[in-house]
Amino acid sequence: MSCAETSRRRFLTGAAAAIAAAAMPASAARRSATDLVPLGRSGVKVTRLAFGTGTFGGRIQRELGQEQFTRLVRYAYERGIRFFETADSYRGMPQMLAAALKGIPRDSYQLMTKMRWRDEANPRATIDRFRKDLNSEYFDVLLMHCVRTPAWREELAHIQDEFSEAKQRKILKAHGASCHGLLPLRAFPDNQWLDVALLRVNHDGTRMDTIQSESNEKGDVPRVTETIRRVHGQGTGVIGMKLIGEGRFTKPEQRDAALRYVMGLGTVDAVTIGFKSTAEIDEAIGRINTHLNA
């Protein structure tokens, strides 16, 4: 066969493959942990997998030291993770994350942080401090961190008002809350202020929500997942946390079961996992990709 005939055959084969791919229904397209996905109707898109910095209050990430932590963040970025999250209560982690991301174009990743609501006398000043801590003029998502009371919507109205005003000034793109406990979780459905909800979810209830906001008892998986379904159905973006039971799922089969369960819900837009090694990042991406396309 001549070179011209070989080239023609390769061209025709490639063209046929391209036509077949174009004709393939969208539902058949492979999904990935690093896809950009919308957070409900918030207008914000993030990678399906976020790099978390709050394992045991950030202790696990802090103990890596800045140099090793920076290498880990950069590895995650290179693997396609472009969503990074932290909180003021993760002592030192906002500053460490800012240092790790320094030099990376801000518009190439999404950033979420969280404000402690206890005794928060001046939310506007705190938001400005957050911007300095994270070396960012704006946040993609800003949350009230860990609401715990059934009446948090009324009790924290002043903070919600400040978040809404900051959104109007384009200091943040979306606002919402994270939750610890079944009682505060009841105030998440039918809450139109919530652009984004950060909620605990895994397959067996470890470190999930109970009647007490913090308990060693396993959470009520059916009740939580039903609430997640309602919250997602109202257009609120849902981010899952505690997928690995805050590190308690030490066996690979436990981690696999958790990711399979959450990826199969269809009501969790994105998830955040705290990492301490490149192997953990690789494993999470691999398992999520597998279960998304099962």
Protein backbone atom coordinates (compact mmCIF):
# COMPACT_ATOMS: atom_id res chain seq x y z
CA MET A 1 0.00 0.00 0.00
CA SER A 2 1.37 3.41 -0.99
CA CYS A 3 1.97 6.23 1.49
CA ALA A 4 -0.85 8.21 -0.13
CA GLU A 5 -3.29 5.31 0.31
CA THR A 6 -2.19 4.84 3.94
CA SER A 7 -2.71 8.53 4.69
CA ARG A 8 -6.11 8.49 3.00
CA ARG A 9 -7.19 5.44 5.03
CA ARG A 10 -6.07 7.09 8.29
CA PHE A 11 -7.93 10.26 7.35
CA LEU A 12 -11.14 8.36 6.59
CA THR A 13 -10.84 6.31 9.80
CA GLY A 14 -10.31 9.47 11.86
CA ALA A 15 -13.20 11.24 10.16
CA ALA A 16 -15.52 8.30 10.79
CA ALA A 17 -14.54 8.26 14.46
CA ALA A 18 -15.18 12.00 14.76
CA ILE A 19 -18.61 11.66 13.15
CA ALA A 20 -19.48 8.77 15.47
CA ALA A 21 -18.37 10.79 18.51
CA ALA A 22 -20.42 13.77 17.41
CA ALA A 23 -23.47 11.56 16.95
CA MET A 24 -23.07 9.99 20.39
CA PRO A 25 -25.81 11.13 22.82
CA ALA A 26 -24.70 13.50 25.57
CA SER A 27 -25.71 10.95 28.19
CA ALA A 28 -23.04 8.59 26.84
CA ALA A 29 -20.21 11.10 27.23
CA ARG A 30 -17.74 10.10 29.92
CA ARG A 31 -17.87 12.18 33.07
CA SER A 32 -14.92 13.06 35.27
CA ALA A 33 -14.01 14.26 38.73
CA THR A 34 -12.40 17.28 37.07
CA ASP A 35 -15.37 18.33 34.92
CA LEU A 36 -16.63 21.86 35.47
CA VAL A 37 -20.17 21.52 36.82
CA PRO A 38 -22.77 24.13 37.84
CA LEU A 39 -23.62 24.56 41.51
CA GLY A 40 -27.39 24.54 41.17
CA ARG A 41 -28.68 27.85 39.86
CA SER A 42 -25.94 29.88 41.57
CA GLY A 43 -24.21 30.74 38.31
CA VAL A 44 -20.94 29.32 39.67
CA LYS A 45 -19.17 26.39 38.03
CA VAL A 46 -16.58 24.33 39.89
CA THR A 47 -14.73 21.10 39.32
CA ARG A 48 -16.74 18.18 40.62
CA LEU A 49 -13.91 17.37 43.06
CA ALA A 50 -12.56 20.05 45.39
CA PHE A 51 -9.30 20.07 47.31
CA GLY A 52 -10.22 20.45 50.98
CA THR A 53 -7.93 21.88 53.66
CA GLY A 54 -9.91 21.13 56.82
CA THR A 55 -9.14 17.55 57.84
CA PHE A 56 -9.42 17.61 61.64
CA GLY A 57 -9.63 21.38 61.55
CA GLY A 58 -6.78 21.59 59.05
CA ARG A 59 -4.28 19.82 61.30
CA ILE A 60 -3.49 17.12 58.73
CA GLN A 61 -2.75 19.70 56.03
CA ARG A 62 -0.89 22.07 58.40
CA GLU A 63 1.45 19.30 59.48
CA LEU A 64 2.63 18.86 55.89
CA GLY A 65 4.41 22.22 56.12
CA GLN A 66 4.19 24.92 53.48
CA GLU A 67 6.63 23.40 50.98
CA GLN A 68 5.01 19.97 50.90
CA PHE A 69 1.52 21.42 51.01
CA THR A 70 2.31 23.68 48.06
CA ARG A 71 3.58 20.71 46.06
CA LEU A 72 0.34 18.86 46.84
CA VAL A 73 -1.87 21.78 45.78
CA ARG A 74 0.11 22.19 42.56
CA TYR A 75 -0.19 18.46 41.86
CA ALA A 76 -3.95 18.64 42.32
CA TYR A 77 -4.09 21.61 39.94
CA GLU A 78 -2.06 19.73 37.34
CA ARG A 79 -4.42 16.74 37.66
CA GLY A 80 -7.32 19.06 36.83
CA ILE A 81 -8.72 19.94 40.26
CA ARG A 82 -9.52 23.65 40.10
CA PHE A 83 -11.75 24.05 43.16
CA PHE A 84 -10.06 24.78 46.50
CA GLU A 85 -11.81 25.30 49.82
CA THR A 86 -10.80 26.45 53.27
CA ALA A 87 -12.20 28.24 56.33
CA ASP A 88 -11.19 30.83 58.90
CA SER A 89 -11.43 28.20 61.62
CA TYR A 90 -8.81 26.02 59.90
CA ARG A 91 -6.00 27.81 61.69
CA GLY A 92 -3.37 29.04 59.23
CA MET A 93 -4.81 27.18 56.25
CA PRO A 94 -6.19 30.18 54.33
CA GLN A 95 -2.73 31.74 54.38
CA MET A 96 -1.05 28.43 53.43
CA LEU A 97 -3.51 27.95 50.58
CA ALA A 98 -2.88 31.50 49.32
CA ALA A 99 0.86 30.83 49.31
CA ALA A 100 0.36 27.52 47.47
CA LEU A 101 -1.76 29.16 44.76
CA LYS A 102 0.46 32.22 44.34
CA GLY A 103 1.28 32.84 40.69
CA ILE A 104 -1.57 30.72 39.32
CA PRO A 105 -4.06 32.85 37.37
CA ARG A 106 -7.00 33.57 39.67
CA ASP A 107 -9.54 33.06 36.92
CA SER A 108 -8.31 29.50 36.36
CA TYR A 109 -9.59 28.13 39.70
CA GLN A 110 -12.53 28.51 42.08
CA LEU A 111 -12.18 29.43 45.74
CA MET A 112 -14.55 28.77 48.63
CA THR A 113 -14.11 29.86 52.23
CA LYS A 114 -16.28 29.88 55.34
CA MET A 115 -16.97 32.38 58.13
CA ARG A 116 -17.54 31.45 61.77
CA TRP A 117 -20.83 32.97 62.83
CA ARG A 118 -20.34 32.98 66.62
CA ASP A 119 -19.88 36.50 67.99
CA GLU A 120 -19.41 37.87 64.49
CA ALA A 121 -19.87 41.59 65.21
CA ASN A 122 -18.53 42.99 61.93
CA PRO A 123 -19.00 40.58 58.98
CA ARG A 124 -17.93 43.18 56.43
CA ALA A 125 -14.55 43.69 58.08
CA THR A 126 -14.13 39.92 58.36
CA ILE A 127 -14.83 39.47 54.66
CA ASP A 128 -12.18 42.08 53.86
CA ARG A 129 -9.71 40.23 56.09
CA PHE A 130 -10.51 36.99 54.27
CA ARG A 131 -9.63 38.67 50.97
CA LYS A 132 -6.21 39.59 52.35
CA ASP A 133 -5.66 36.18 53.93
CA LEU A 134 -6.41 34.42 50.65
CA ASN A 135 -4.85 37.06 48.39
CA SER A 136 -8.04 37.28 46.34
CA GLU A 137 -10.29 40.19 45.48
CA TYR A 138 -13.32 37.90 45.41
CA PHE A 139 -14.61 34.48 46.39
CA ASP A 140 -16.55 32.12 44.18
CA VAL A 141 -18.40 30.85 47.25
CA LEU A 142 -18.62 32.21 50.81
CA LEU A 143 -20.45 30.21 53.46
CA MET A 144 -21.58 30.67 57.03
CA HIS A 145 -19.60 27.92 58.70
CA CYS A 146 -21.31 25.11 60.55
CA VAL A 147 -24.74 26.42 61.49
CA ARG A 148 -25.99 24.46 64.49
CA THR A 149 -29.37 25.74 65.71
CA PRO A 150 -32.88 25.15 64.34
CA ALA A 151 -33.49 28.92 64.11
CA TRP A 152 -30.23 29.86 62.40
CA ARG A 153 -32.06 31.56 59.52
CA GLU A 154 -33.53 34.14 61.90
CA GLU A 155 -30.60 34.32 64.32
CA LEU A 156 -28.01 34.95 61.59
CA ALA A 157 -30.07 37.27 59.39
CA HIS A 158 -27.53 40.09 59.83
CA ILE A 159 -24.74 37.93 58.43
CA GLN A 160 -26.91 36.81 55.53
CA ASP A 161 -27.65 40.45 54.75
CA GLU A 162 -23.93 41.27 54.69
CA PHE A 163 -23.24 38.31 52.40
CA SER A 164 -26.02 39.43 50.05
CA GLU A 165 -24.61 42.96 49.98
CA ALA A 166 -21.11 41.61 49.27
CA LYS A 167 -22.56 39.58 46.41
CA GLN A 168 -24.05 42.75 44.94
CA ARG A 169 -20.61 44.37 45.16
CA LYS A 170 -19.15 41.30 43.36
CA ILE A 171 -16.90 40.41 46.29
CA LEU A 172 -18.48 36.98 46.16
CA LYS A 173 -20.40 35.13 43.48
CA ALA A 174 -22.50 32.81 45.65
CA HIS A 175 -23.34 32.47 49.33
CA GLY A 176 -24.71 29.78 51.58
CA ALA A 177 -24.04 27.71 54.67
CA SER A 178 -22.55 24.48 55.93
CA CYS A 179 -24.36 22.42 58.52
CA HIS A 180 -23.69 20.16 61.50
CA GLY A 181 -26.79 18.48 62.92
CA LEU A 182 -30.25 17.31 61.88
CA LEU A 183 -31.99 20.21 63.64
CA PRO A 184 -30.28 23.01 61.66
CA LEU A 185 -30.53 20.89 58.52
CA ARG A 186 -34.32 21.24 58.68
CA ALA A 187 -33.96 24.93 57.79
CA PHE A 188 -32.20 24.21 54.48
CA PRO A 189 -35.20 23.16 52.32
CA ASP A 190 -37.43 26.02 51.13
CA ASN A 191 -34.59 28.48 51.79
CA GLN A 192 -34.19 30.68 48.74
CA TRP A 193 -31.25 32.61 50.22
CA LEU A 194 -29.05 29.52 49.91
CA ASP A 195 -27.10 29.57 46.67
CA VAL A 196 -24.90 26.75 47.97
CA ALA A 197 -25.18 24.18 50.77
CA LEU A 198 -22.18 22.23 52.10
CA LEU A 199 -23.58 19.05 53.66
CA ARG A 200 -22.16 15.89 55.23
CA VAL A 201 -22.84 12.72 53.28
CA ASN A 202 -21.48 9.21 52.85
CA HIS A 203 -22.81 5.67 52.62
CA ASP A 204 -22.93 4.64 56.28
CA GLY A 205 -23.40 7.80 58.36
CA THR A 206 -19.90 8.16 59.77
CA ARG A 207 -19.38 11.80 60.86
CA MET A 208 -22.80 12.67 59.43
CA ASP A 209 -25.70 14.55 60.98
CA THR A 210 -27.46 13.43 64.15
CA ILE A 211 -29.86 15.19 66.52
CA GLN A 212 -26.82 16.44 68.42
CA SER A 213 -24.65 18.59 66.18
CA GLU A 214 -21.52 16.66 67.15
CA SER A 215 -21.80 13.01 68.11
CA ASN A 216 -19.89 9.77 67.73
CA GLU A 217 -23.15 8.09 66.75
CA LYS A 218 -23.72 7.43 63.08
CA GLY A 219 -25.89 9.90 61.24
CA ASP A 220 -29.29 9.28 59.72
CA VAL A 221 -28.36 8.56 56.10
CA PRO A 222 -31.93 8.26 54.70
CA ARG A 223 -33.08 11.50 56.35
CA VAL A 224 -30.00 13.42 55.26
CA THR A 225 -30.12 12.19 51.67
CA GLU A 226 -33.84 12.98 51.44
CA THR A 227 -33.10 16.51 52.68
CA ILE A 228 -30.28 16.80 50.14
CA ARG A 229 -32.74 15.80 47.42
CA ARG A 230 -35.11 18.58 48.48
CA VAL A 231 -32.35 21.18 48.77
CA HIS A 232 -30.97 20.28 45.35
CA GLY A 233 -34.47 20.33 43.90
CA GLN A 234 -34.97 23.97 44.90
CA GLY A 235 -31.97 25.00 42.80
CA THR A 236 -29.40 25.21 45.59
CA GLY A 237 -25.97 23.91 44.68
CA VAL A 238 -25.03 20.97 46.91
CA ILE A 239 -21.44 20.19 47.86
CA GLY A 240 -20.82 16.97 49.79
CA MET A 241 -18.30 16.74 52.62
CA LYS A 242 -17.13 14.02 55.01
CA LEU A 243 -17.20 11.52 52.16
CA ILE A 244 -14.25 9.68 53.66
CA GLY A 245 -15.69 9.93 57.18
CA GLU A 246 -13.07 12.59 58.03
CA GLY A 247 -10.35 10.02 57.39
CA ARG A 248 -12.07 7.19 59.26
CA PHE A 249 -12.54 5.11 56.11
CA THR A 250 -9.07 3.60 56.21
CA LYS A 251 -9.88 0.57 54.04
CA PRO A 252 -9.98 1.03 50.25
CA GLU A 253 -13.32 -0.77 50.03
CA GLN A 254 -14.85 1.71 52.50
CA ARG A 255 -13.69 4.69 50.47
CA ASP A 256 -14.89 3.05 47.29
CA ALA A 257 -18.34 2.36 48.79
CA ALA A 258 -18.66 5.98 49.94
CA LEU A 259 -17.74 7.47 46.58
CA ARG A 260 -19.95 5.00 44.72
CA TYR A 261 -22.89 5.93 46.94
CA VAL A 262 -22.51 9.70 46.66
CA MET A 263 -21.79 9.68 42.92
CA GLY A 264 -24.94 7.63 42.44
CA LEU A 265 -27.26 10.00 44.31
CA GLY A 266 -27.61 12.46 41.44
CA THR A 267 -28.28 15.29 43.88
CA VAL A 268 -24.73 16.21 44.93
CA ASP A 269 -23.12 18.61 42.45
CA ALA A 270 -19.57 18.54 43.81
CA VAL A 271 -17.62 17.04 46.70
CA THR A 272 -14.68 18.15 48.81
CA ILE A 273 -12.03 15.82 50.19
CA GLY A 274 -9.05 16.74 52.35
CA PHE A 275 -5.82 15.29 50.97
CA LYS A 276 -2.41 14.66 52.45
CA SER A 277 -0.70 12.83 49.57
CA THR A 278 -0.63 12.61 45.79
CA ALA A 279 -1.72 8.97 46.04
CA GLU A 280 -4.95 10.06 47.76
CA ILE A 281 -5.65 12.55 44.97
CA ASP A 282 -5.06 9.89 42.33
CA GLU A 283 -7.28 7.42 44.14
CA ALA A 284 -10.16 9.88 44.57
CA ILE A 285 -10.08 10.94 40.91
CA GLY A 286 -9.88 7.33 39.74
CA ARG A 287 -12.72 6.09 41.93
CA ILE A 288 -14.99 9.04 41.12
CA ASN A 289 -14.38 8.58 37.40
CA THR A 290 -15.18 4.89 37.66
CA HIS A 291 -18.45 5.37 39.52
CA LEU A 292 -19.59 8.30 37.41
CA ASN A 293 -19.41 6.10 34.34
CA ALA A 294 -20.54 2.76 35.77
